[in-house]
C-alpha cells in the first residue's frame, strides 16, 4: 500500500522566521534540511482493503511503521533513508473454510537525495523547487511461506527488486500557510520472475495555521495546522513469468484531511486517506481507508 503512505512519503522541518512549519503528511516537500541538521520521522499507517466480489471474499489489513532519517549535507542537498516494518494480514475463504495468511517483518527500504535547484526568498515568504532521485532496495523478504504454501508476492513484506525512482517537489511557504506539490515515477524491476507494475504519483498538500489566529502574541510555544492533501496514483499491471496480471494495477485518487501540532523541535500529525475515485483492473481490492499518525523531530 500506501503509499502510499504514502507514502510514503519523508519531509524536512524548517524553522522559518523563528516559527516551526507544518508540511505534507503523505509525501515529500521541497523545504530544505539545514546543513548539519538531522530529522527523525516515523508514522503508523493502517490500511483496510475489502469489497472482494469473488468467492474468495478477501479482506486485507496492513500495518506499516516507516522510520525515516534525513540529514542536511549542505543548505541545498539533503539525504534521506527510510526503512519500514510491515504486517500484512489477508483473510480468505477457501471452500467452506475461512483462513488467514500473514507476513510481517522489515519491508523494502529507500535511499534518496533531494537538491534545491531554485529558490526565491522574501520576508515571510519562500519558494523552493527541488528535484529528487533514489532507489528502493529489497530489504524485505519476498519468499515467505505458511502452512498453505508460498505467500503471493503482493502479500510478501518485500519485493525482492531494486527499483529506481525520481521526481520533483515544489513548496510555497508563508507565515500563515504552505502549499506543496510533487510528481514522481518509480520503475519496478523483475525479481524471481515477478515484476510489480510501475508507479506514477501526483501529490498536493495545503496547510493553514488555525491556532493561534495571530502571531502578535509573544512566546507562543506551539501551532495547530489544518491540512488537506490530494494523492493521484497510477499503478501499472504486474507481470508473473512474463505474463500480464490483468487483476492488478489501476488509478486511484484520494483526499486526505489532517491535523498537525507544530513546535520548534517536533511535529505531531494525523490524517485519514479517503478514496474518491478507484478505477482498478479486474478483481483488485479497493481501499476502504488509510489512517496515519506520526511525529517528526528536529535534532
Protein backbone atom coordinates (compact mmCIF):
# COMPACT_ATOMS: atom_id res chain seq x y z
CA UNK A 1 0.00 0.00 0.00
CA UNK A 2 0.27 3.01 0.86
CA UNK A 3 1.97 4.79 -0.08
CA UNK A 4 1.25 5.41 -0.09
CA UNK A 5 1.84 6.08 2.65
CA UNK A 6 2.44 7.24 1.29
CA UNK A 7 3.80 7.47 1.25
CA UNK A 8 5.19 7.15 1.99
CA UNK A 9 6.38 9.57 1.72
CA UNK A 10 9.84 11.94 4.29
CA UNK A 11 9.84 15.76 4.74
CA UNK A 12 12.06 18.28 6.43
CA UNK A 13 11.18 20.52 9.36
CA UNK A 14 12.10 24.15 8.70
CA UNK A 15 12.44 26.91 11.30
CA UNK A 16 11.32 29.87 9.24
CA UNK A 17 11.42 33.36 10.76
CA UNK A 18 11.60 31.73 14.18
CA UNK A 19 8.46 29.66 13.56
CA UNK A 20 8.32 25.90 13.01
CA UNK A 21 6.23 25.00 10.00
CA UNK A 22 3.90 22.22 9.01
CA UNK A 23 4.45 20.10 5.90
CA UNK A 24 2.91 17.33 3.81
CA UNK A 25 1.89 14.20 5.70
CA UNK A 26 1.79 11.71 2.82
CA UNK A 27 4.70 12.82 0.60
CA UNK A 28 7.92 14.84 0.40
CA UNK A 29 8.15 18.64 0.35
CA UNK A 30 10.85 20.88 -1.16
CA UNK A 31 11.75 22.61 2.12
CA UNK A 32 15.46 22.31 2.93
CA UNK A 33 17.09 20.47 5.80
CA UNK A 34 19.66 22.87 7.27
CA UNK A 35 23.31 21.92 6.94
CA UNK A 36 24.39 19.58 9.72
CA UNK A 37 20.82 19.13 10.99
CA UNK A 38 19.07 15.76 11.26
CA UNK A 39 15.37 14.96 11.05
CA UNK A 40 13.85 11.81 12.50
CA UNK A 41 10.36 10.91 11.35
CA UNK A 42 8.10 7.95 11.99
CA UNK A 43 4.47 7.13 11.29
CA UNK A 44 1.97 4.38 11.91
CA UNK A 45 -0.18 3.62 8.87
CA UNK A 46 -3.25 1.38 9.00
CA UNK A 47 -4.73 0.27 5.67
CA UNK A 48 -8.02 -1.57 5.12
CA UNK A 49 -8.97 -3.19 1.80
CA UNK A 50 -12.22 -5.14 1.33
CA UNK A 51 -15.04 -5.41 -1.20
CA UNK A 52 -13.87 -8.57 -2.96
CA UNK A 53 -16.64 -9.66 -5.33
CA UNK A 54 -15.13 -13.10 -5.92
CA UNK A 55 -15.82 -16.28 -3.93
CA UNK A 56 -12.54 -15.77 -2.04
CA UNK A 57 -14.03 -12.76 -0.19
CA UNK A 58 -10.55 -11.36 0.52
CA UNK A 59 -10.03 -8.83 3.31
CA UNK A 60 -6.58 -7.23 3.58
CA UNK A 61 -5.28 -5.29 6.57
CA UNK A 62 -1.83 -3.68 6.50
CA UNK A 63 0.06 -2.01 9.33
CA UNK A 64 3.21 -0.16 8.29
CA UNK A 65 5.66 1.72 10.52
CA UNK A 66 8.25 3.54 8.40
CA UNK A 67 11.27 5.10 10.11
CA UNK A 68 12.85 7.99 8.19
CA UNK A 69 16.16 9.74 8.81
CA UNK A 70 17.12 12.91 6.92
CA UNK A 71 20.42 14.80 7.02
CA UNK A 72 21.35 18.19 5.59
CA UNK A 73 24.65 17.79 3.74
CA UNK A 74 24.53 21.44 2.70
CA UNK A 75 21.96 24.22 2.53
CA UNK A 76 20.76 22.73 -0.78
CA UNK A 77 21.46 18.98 -0.60
CA UNK A 78 19.66 16.59 1.76
CA UNK A 79 19.94 12.81 2.03
CA UNK A 80 17.10 10.55 3.19
CA UNK A 81 16.89 6.95 4.30
CA UNK A 82 13.69 5.03 5.08
CA UNK A 83 13.16 1.54 6.49
CA UNK A 84 9.66 0.23 7.30
CA UNK A 85 8.27 -2.54 9.45
CA UNK A 86 5.16 -4.08 7.88
CA UNK A 87 2.46 -6.51 8.98
CA UNK A 88 0.15 -7.77 6.22
CA UNK A 89 -2.86 -9.94 7.04
CA UNK A 90 -5.30 -11.38 4.50
CA UNK A 91 -8.44 -13.35 5.36
CA UNK A 92 -9.61 -15.64 2.53
CA UNK A 93 -12.46 -18.09 2.01
CA UNK A 94 -11.25 -21.45 0.68
CA UNK A 95 -14.12 -23.87 0.14
CA UNK A 96 -16.02 -23.93 3.43
CA UNK A 97 -13.07 -22.61 5.45
CA UNK A 98 -12.05 -19.09 6.35
CA UNK A 99 -8.25 -18.91 6.55
CA UNK A 100 -5.74 -16.19 7.41
CA UNK A 101 -2.40 -15.65 5.66
CA UNK A 102 0.14 -13.25 7.11
CA UNK A 103 3.57 -11.76 6.50
CA UNK A 104 5.42 -9.48 8.88
CA UNK A 105 8.92 -8.09 9.18
CA UNK A 106 11.09 -5.48 7.53
CA UNK A 107 9.79 -4.06 4.29
CA UNK A 108 11.76 -2.55 1.40
CA UNK A 109 13.90 0.45 2.30
CA UNK A 110 14.58 3.61 0.31
CA UNK A 111 17.61 5.86 -0.13
CA UNK A 112 17.29 9.15 -1.99
CA UNK A 113 18.78 12.60 -2.40
CA UNK A 114 16.99 15.93 -2.85
CA UNK A 115 18.62 19.09 -4.18
CA UNK A 116 17.21 22.63 -4.06
CA UNK A 117 17.58 23.78 -7.65
CA UNK A 118 15.63 27.04 -7.37
CA UNK A 119 14.66 29.32 -4.51
CA UNK A 120 13.14 32.76 -4.04
CA UNK A 121 13.05 34.28 -0.55
CA UNK A 122 11.15 37.32 0.68
CA UNK A 123 10.32 38.39 4.26
CA UNK A 124 7.72 35.88 5.47
CA UNK A 125 7.56 34.11 2.09
CA UNK A 126 9.69 31.48 0.36
CA UNK A 127 9.52 29.32 -2.78
CA UNK A 128 11.56 26.14 -3.28
CA UNK A 129 11.84 23.76 -6.26
CA UNK A 130 13.76 20.57 -5.55
CA UNK A 131 14.25 17.51 -7.78
CA UNK A 132 14.92 14.20 -6.06
CA UNK A 133 16.01 10.73 -7.08
CA UNK A 134 16.71 7.48 -5.31
CA UNK A 135 16.47 3.72 -5.13
CA UNK A 136 14.13 1.29 -3.39
CA UNK A 137 16.19 -1.60 -2.01
CA UNK A 138 14.98 -5.20 -1.39
CA UNK A 139 15.49 -5.24 2.38
CA UNK A 140 12.22 -7.13 2.92
CA UNK A 141 11.80 -10.84 2.27
CA UNK A 142 9.83 -11.99 -0.78
CA UNK A 143 9.95 -15.76 -0.22
CA UNK A 144 7.90 -16.30 2.94
CA UNK A 145 5.71 -19.40 3.27
CA UNK A 146 2.96 -20.60 5.57
CA UNK A 147 1.02 -23.84 6.03
CA UNK A 148 -0.73 -23.26 2.69
CA UNK A 149 2.46 -22.71 0.69
CA UNK A 150 4.37 -19.71 -0.57
CA UNK A 151 2.64 -16.39 0.03
CA UNK A 152 1.50 -14.41 -3.03
CA UNK A 153 4.01 -11.73 -3.98
CA UNK A 154 1.72 -8.77 -3.12
CA UNK A 155 1.35 -10.24 0.38
CA UNK A 156 5.12 -10.57 0.96
CA UNK A 157 6.81 -7.97 3.17
CA UNK A 158 9.32 -7.17 0.42
CA UNK A 159 9.50 -7.12 -3.38
CA UNK A 160 12.96 -8.58 -3.98
CA UNK A 161 13.72 -5.93 -6.62
CA UNK A 162 15.90 -2.83 -6.93
CA UNK A 163 13.61 -0.04 -8.14
CA UNK A 164 14.80 3.46 -9.15
CA UNK A 165 12.56 6.49 -8.76
CA UNK A 166 12.76 10.23 -9.42
CA UNK A 167 10.60 13.31 -9.19
CA UNK A 168 10.36 16.97 -8.36
CA UNK A 169 8.84 18.79 -5.37
CA UNK A 170 7.66 22.41 -5.20
CA UNK A 171 6.89 24.31 -1.99
CA UNK A 172 5.49 27.81 -1.40
CA UNK A 173 5.51 28.83 2.26
CA UNK A 174 4.31 31.90 4.14
CA UNK A 175 3.87 32.62 7.84
CA UNK A 176 0.18 31.61 7.65
CA UNK A 177 0.06 28.78 5.11
CA UNK A 178 2.06 26.40 2.98
CA UNK A 179 1.38 24.71 -0.36
CA UNK A 180 3.33 21.69 -1.61
CA UNK A 181 3.13 19.59 -4.72
CA UNK A 182 5.24 16.73 -6.05
CA UNK A 183 5.29 14.48 -9.08
CA UNK A 184 7.26 11.23 -9.16
CA UNK A 185 7.74 8.00 -11.11
CA UNK A 186 9.13 4.64 -9.96
CA UNK A 187 10.32 1.90 -12.32
CA UNK A 188 9.74 -1.51 -10.75
CA UNK A 189 12.09 -4.23 -11.95
CA UNK A 190 11.92 -8.02 -12.12
CA UNK A 191 12.88 -10.27 -9.21
CA UNK A 192 12.40 -14.05 -9.09
CA UNK A 193 10.21 -13.99 -12.21
CA UNK A 194 7.82 -11.37 -10.83
CA UNK A 195 7.57 -7.67 -11.61
CA UNK A 196 5.25 -5.17 -9.94
CA UNK A 197 3.79 -2.53 -12.24
CA UNK A 198 5.46 0.89 -12.36
CA UNK A 199 4.03 3.69 -10.22
CA UNK A 200 3.37 7.36 -11.06
CA UNK A 201 2.18 9.90 -8.47
CA UNK A 202 0.90 13.46 -8.41
CA UNK A 203 0.50 14.82 -4.88
CA UNK A 204 -0.58 18.16 -3.41
CA UNK A 205 -0.92 19.49 0.13
CA UNK A 206 -2.23 22.71 1.68
CA UNK A 207 -1.60 23.53 5.34
CA UNK A 208 -3.19 26.52 7.10
CA UNK A 209 -2.44 27.75 10.60
CA UNK A 210 -5.66 27.73 12.63
CA UNK A 211 -4.17 28.30 16.12
CA UNK A 212 -3.09 30.86 17.11
CA UNK A 213 -5.02 33.00 14.65
CA UNK A 214 -2.46 35.81 15.04
CA UNK A 215 1.32 35.85 15.54
CA UNK A 216 1.18 39.07 17.57
CA UNK A 217 1.29 37.18 20.88
CA UNK A 218 4.84 36.82 22.20
CA UNK A 219 6.19 33.49 23.32
CA UNK A 220 3.65 31.27 21.53
CA UNK A 221 5.09 27.76 22.09
CA UNK A 222 3.11 25.77 19.50
CA UNK A 223 0.84 25.97 16.47
CA UNK A 224 -2.01 23.92 15.02
CA UNK A 225 -2.38 23.48 11.26
CA UNK A 226 -5.34 22.14 9.30
CA UNK A 227 -4.16 20.02 6.38
CA UNK A 228 -5.83 18.90 3.16
CA UNK A 229 -3.96 16.70 0.70
CA UNK A 230 -4.64 15.04 -2.64
CA UNK A 231 -2.96 11.86 -3.93
CA UNK A 232 -3.39 10.78 -7.55
CA UNK A 233 -1.67 7.41 -8.10
CA UNK A 234 -1.36 5.22 -11.19
CA UNK A 235 -0.03 1.66 -10.94
CA UNK A 236 0.82 -0.47 -13.95
CA UNK A 237 -0.11 -4.14 -14.20
CA UNK A 238 2.06 -6.76 -12.52
CA UNK A 239 3.82 -9.45 -14.55
CA UNK A 240 4.41 -13.07 -13.49
CA UNK A 241 6.76 -15.23 -15.57
CA UNK A 242 6.36 -12.74 -18.41
CA UNK A 243 2.55 -12.89 -18.37
CA UNK A 244 0.48 -9.81 -17.50
CA UNK A 245 -1.75 -9.98 -14.43
CA UNK A 246 -4.95 -8.26 -15.54
CA UNK A 247 -6.23 -8.24 -11.93
CA UNK A 248 -3.63 -5.70 -10.84
CA UNK A 249 -2.90 -2.02 -11.28
CA UNK A 250 -5.20 0.92 -11.89
CA UNK A 251 -5.71 4.55 -10.90
CA UNK A 252 -6.81 5.97 -7.55
CA UNK A 253 -7.48 9.49 -6.30
CA UNK A 254 -7.64 10.17 -2.58
CA UNK A 255 -8.41 13.20 -0.43
CA UNK A 256 -6.56 13.37 2.88
CA UNK A 257 -7.75 15.73 5.65
CA UNK A 258 -5.42 16.00 8.62
CA UNK A 259 -4.09 17.99 11.57
CA UNK A 260 -0.57 18.92 12.69
CA UNK A 261 0.67 20.18 16.05
CA UNK A 262 3.93 22.07 15.47
CA UNK A 263 6.57 23.23 17.95
CA UNK A 264 10.12 24.45 17.44
CA UNK A 265 11.57 20.93 17.78
CA UNK A 266 8.88 18.43 16.86
CA UNK A 267 5.65 17.90 14.92
CA UNK A 268 2.74 15.58 15.77
CA UNK A 269 0.42 14.71 12.89
CA UNK A 270 -2.57 12.61 11.91
CA UNK A 271 -4.61 12.17 8.73
CA UNK A 272 -7.23 9.94 7.13
CA UNK A 273 -6.96 8.99 3.46
CA UNK A 274 -10.42 8.87 1.84
CA UNK A 275 -10.71 7.23 -1.61
CA UNK A 276 -12.68 9.41 -4.03
CA UNK A 277 -12.02 7.52 -7.29
CA UNK A 278 -10.77 3.94 -7.69
CA UNK A 279 -10.51 2.64 -11.23
CA UNK A 280 -8.81 -0.67 -10.62
CA UNK A 281 -8.25 -3.54 -13.01
CA UNK A 282 -10.09 -6.86 -12.72
CA UNK A 283 -10.66 -8.11 -9.18
CA UNK A 284 -8.14 -5.80 -7.45
CA UNK A 285 -9.15 -4.94 -3.89
CA UNK A 286 -10.35 -1.40 -3.23
CA UNK A 287 -9.03 0.69 -0.36
CA UNK A 288 -11.60 1.43 2.35
CA UNK A 289 -9.44 3.92 4.24
CA UNK A 290 -5.89 4.66 5.39
CA UNK A 291 -5.22 6.19 8.80
CA UNK A 292 -1.85 7.80 9.55
CA UNK A 293 -0.39 9.12 12.81
CA UNK A 294 3.21 10.13 13.36
CA UNK A 295 5.86 12.57 14.51
CA UNK A 296 8.89 14.50 13.27
CA UNK A 297 11.80 15.51 15.48
CA UNK A 298 14.48 18.04 14.64
CA UNK A 299 17.93 17.34 16.17
